[in-house]
C-alpha atoms as a PDB file:
ATOM      1  CA  UNK A   1     -18.667  -5.883  -9.753  1.00  0.00           C
ATOM      2  CA  UNK A   2     -16.419  -8.328  -7.915  1.00  0.00           C
ATOM      3  CA  UNK A   3     -16.448  -8.817  -4.170  1.00  0.00           C
ATOM      4  CA  UNK A   4     -13.614  -7.093  -2.319  1.00  0.00           C
ATOM      5  CA  UNK A   5     -10.882  -9.146  -0.730  1.00  0.00           C
ATOM      6  CA  UNK A   6      -9.124  -8.232   2.511  1.00  0.00           C
ATOM      7  CA  UNK A   7      -5.416  -7.632   2.322  1.00  0.00           C
ATOM      8  CA  UNK A   8      -3.025  -6.574   5.076  1.00  0.00           C
ATOM      9  CA  UNK A   9      -0.808  -3.493   4.782  1.00  0.00           C
ATOM     10  CA  UNK A  10       2.221  -2.702   6.919  1.00  0.00           C
ATOM     11  CA  UNK A  11       3.267   0.948   7.174  1.00  0.00           C
ATOM     12  CA  UNK A  12       6.371   2.642   8.560  1.00  0.00           C
ATOM     13  CA  UNK A  13       6.099   4.521  11.862  1.00  0.00           C
ATOM     14  CA  UNK A  14       6.107   7.925  10.123  1.00  0.00           C
ATOM     15  CA  UNK A  15       2.970   7.116   8.094  1.00  0.00           C
ATOM     16  CA  UNK A  16       1.233   5.474  11.070  1.00  0.00           C
ATOM     17  CA  UNK A  17       1.894   8.639  13.089  1.00  0.00           C
ATOM     18  CA  UNK A  18       0.595  10.891  10.293  1.00  0.00           C
ATOM     19  CA  UNK A  19      -2.583   8.812   9.994  1.00  0.00           C
ATOM     20  CA  UNK A  20      -3.089   8.457  13.747  1.00  0.00           C
ATOM     21  CA  UNK A  21      -2.751   4.673  13.658  1.00  0.00           C
ATOM     22  CA  UNK A  22      -1.764   3.541  17.170  1.00  0.00           C
ATOM     23  CA  UNK A  23      -0.900  -0.064  16.368  1.00  0.00           C
ATOM     24  CA  UNK A  24       2.163  -1.532  14.699  1.00  0.00           C
ATOM     25  CA  UNK A  25       0.067  -4.421  13.375  1.00  0.00           C
ATOM     26  CA  UNK A  26      -0.658  -4.818   9.683  1.00  0.00           C
ATOM     27  CA  UNK A  27      -3.884  -3.038   8.721  1.00  0.00           C
ATOM     28  CA  UNK A  28      -6.603  -5.229   7.229  1.00  0.00           C
ATOM     29  CA  UNK A  29      -8.316  -3.367   4.381  1.00  0.00           C
ATOM     30  CA  UNK A  30     -10.840  -4.464   1.762  1.00  0.00           C
ATOM     31  CA  UNK A  31      -9.725  -3.940  -1.838  1.00  0.00           C
ATOM     32  CA  UNK A  32     -11.486  -4.820  -5.096  1.00  0.00           C
ATOM     33  CA  UNK A  33     -10.378  -7.930  -6.952  1.00  0.00           C
ATOM     34  CA  UNK A  34      -7.958  -8.351  -8.503  1.00  0.00           C
ATOM     35  CA  UNK A  35      -5.975  -6.815  -5.630  1.00  0.00           C
ATOM     36  CA  UNK A  36      -3.425  -4.253  -6.868  1.00  0.00           C
ATOM     37  CA  UNK A  37      -1.157  -1.658  -5.283  1.00  0.00           C
ATOM     38  CA  UNK A  38      -3.470   1.025  -6.682  1.00  0.00           C
ATOM     39  CA  UNK A  39      -6.478  -0.619  -5.006  1.00  0.00           C
ATOM     40  CA  UNK A  40      -4.537  -0.918  -1.752  1.00  0.00           C
ATOM     41  CA  UNK A  41      -3.602   2.781  -1.832  1.00  0.00           C
ATOM     42  CA  UNK A  42      -7.209   3.749  -2.608  1.00  0.00           C
ATOM     43  CA  UNK A  43      -8.442   1.699   0.361  1.00  0.00           C
ATOM     44  CA  UNK A  44      -5.723   3.096   2.628  1.00  0.00           C
ATOM     45  CA  UNK A  45      -6.513   6.703   1.678  1.00  0.00           C
ATOM     46  CA  UNK A  46     -10.256   6.104   2.122  1.00  0.00           C
ATOM     47  CA  UNK A  47      -9.734   4.648   5.603  1.00  0.00           C
ATOM     48  CA  UNK A  48      -7.059   7.177   6.604  1.00  0.00           C
ATOM     49  CA  UNK A  49      -7.629  10.475   4.726  1.00  0.00           C
ATOM     50  CA  UNK A  50      -4.520  12.050   6.294  1.00  0.00           C
ATOM     51  CA  UNK A  51      -2.474   9.766   4.027  1.00  0.00           C
ATOM     52  CA  UNK A  52      -3.998  11.291   0.892  1.00  0.00           C
ATOM     53  CA  UNK A  53      -1.342  12.194  -1.702  1.00  0.00           C
ATOM     54  CA  UNK A  54       1.520  10.858   0.444  1.00  0.00           C
ATOM     55  CA  UNK A  55       2.131   7.719  -1.616  1.00  0.00           C
ATOM     56  CA  UNK A  56       1.194   8.944  -5.109  1.00  0.00           C
ATOM     57  CA  UNK A  57       1.778  12.195  -6.905  1.00  0.00           C
ATOM     58  CA  UNK A  58      -1.693  13.805  -7.147  1.00  0.00           C
ATOM     59  CA  UNK A  59      -0.960  15.261 -10.609  1.00  0.00           C
ATOM     60  CA  UNK A  60       0.211  12.022 -12.225  1.00  0.00           C
ATOM     61  CA  UNK A  61      -1.175   9.291  -9.973  1.00  0.00           C
ATOM     62  CA  UNK A  62       2.264   7.660 -10.005  1.00  0.00           C
ATOM     63  CA  UNK A  63       4.224   6.391  -7.012  1.00  0.00           C
ATOM     64  CA  UNK A  64       6.264   9.046  -5.253  1.00  0.00           C
ATOM     65  CA  UNK A  65       9.999   8.519  -5.869  1.00  0.00           C
ATOM     66  CA  UNK A  66      10.964   7.624  -2.290  1.00  0.00           C
ATOM     67  CA  UNK A  67       8.073   5.242  -1.634  1.00  0.00           C
ATOM     68  CA  UNK A  68       8.641   1.519  -2.082  1.00  0.00           C
ATOM     69  CA  UNK A  69       6.210  -1.407  -2.182  1.00  0.00           C
ATOM     70  CA  UNK A  70       7.246  -4.945  -1.224  1.00  0.00           C
ATOM     71  CA  UNK A  71       5.233  -8.117  -1.808  1.00  0.00           C
ATOM     72  CA  UNK A  72       6.463 -11.533  -0.667  1.00  0.00           C
ATOM     73  CA  UNK A  73      10.002 -10.222  -0.216  1.00  0.00           C
ATOM     74  CA  UNK A  74      10.140  -8.674  -3.698  1.00  0.00           C
ATOM     75  CA  UNK A  75      10.422  -4.965  -4.489  1.00  0.00           C
ATOM     76  CA  UNK A  76       7.454  -4.320  -6.779  1.00  0.00           C
ATOM     77  CA  UNK A  77       7.843  -0.533  -6.747  1.00  0.00           C
ATOM     78  CA  UNK A  78       8.605  -0.235 -10.455  1.00  0.00           C
ATOM     79  CA  UNK A  79       5.733  -2.413 -11.635  1.00  0.00           C
ATOM     80  CA  UNK A  80       2.601  -0.622 -12.867  1.00  0.00           C
ATOM     81  CA  UNK A  81       0.293   0.176  -9.934  1.00  0.00           C
ATOM     82  CA  UNK A  82      -2.489  -1.882 -11.534  1.00  0.00           C
ATOM     83  CA  UNK A  83      -0.456  -5.104 -11.717  1.00  0.00           C
ATOM     84  CA  UNK A  84      -2.242  -7.819  -9.701  1.00  0.00           C
ATOM     85  CA  UNK A  85      -0.574  -8.571  -6.376  1.00  0.00           C
ATOM     86  CA  UNK A  86       0.724 -12.089  -5.655  1.00  0.00           C
ATOM     87  CA  UNK A  87      -1.887 -14.544  -4.343  1.00  0.00           C
ATOM     88  CA  UNK A  88      -0.282 -14.602  -0.868  1.00  0.00           C
ATOM     89  CA  UNK A  89      -0.917 -10.844  -0.564  1.00  0.00           C
ATOM     90  CA  UNK A  90      -4.351 -10.946  -2.213  1.00  0.00           C
ATOM     91  CA  UNK A  91      -5.621 -13.589   0.222  1.00  0.00           C
ATOM     92  CA  UNK A  92      -4.157 -11.856   3.282  1.00  0.00           C
ATOM     93  CA  UNK A  93      -1.577 -14.538   4.105  1.00  0.00           C
ATOM     94  CA  UNK A  94       1.291 -12.051   3.629  1.00  0.00           C
ATOM     95  CA  UNK A  95       1.235  -8.270   4.131  1.00  0.00           C
ATOM     96  CA  UNK A  96       1.928  -5.629   1.510  1.00  0.00           C
ATOM     97  CA  UNK A  97       4.819  -3.568   2.885  1.00  0.00           C
ATOM     98  CA  UNK A  98       4.964   0.145   2.160  1.00  0.00           C
ATOM     99  CA  UNK A  99       8.273   1.750   3.067  1.00  0.00           C
ATOM    100  CA  UNK A 100      10.112   4.990   2.559  1.00  0.00           C
ATOM    101  CA  UNK A 101      13.375   4.677   0.655  1.00  0.00           C
ATOM    102  CA  UNK A 102      16.535   6.243   2.001  1.00  0.00           C
ATOM    103  CA  UNK A 103      18.398   8.608  -0.282  1.00  0.00           C
ATOM    104  CA  UNK A 104      21.814  10.078   0.045  1.00  0.00           C
ATOM    105  CA  UNK A 105      25.299   8.864   0.031  1.00  0.00           C
END
């Protein structure tokens, strides 16, 4: 088994409030290597159980439609959740951003 790496995750205010996270800072969380969005969500849900099933559909394990993931300025929401994250995210230099999309028109 590989050693975990620490990544940083930034959450919107609504998810920080739900999880009881008082800070606006990026959350450092250990994830298994290679670091993936799936690993980041698993670590986030383990550290903050109130976030369980908010980012993924519990029946399918897929990203919820109005949740978006950004890595190094790129929207990676439509990539498979097990795609390795860019090195800058995996080493903690850049945060993984998790945002809610806005729908309507």
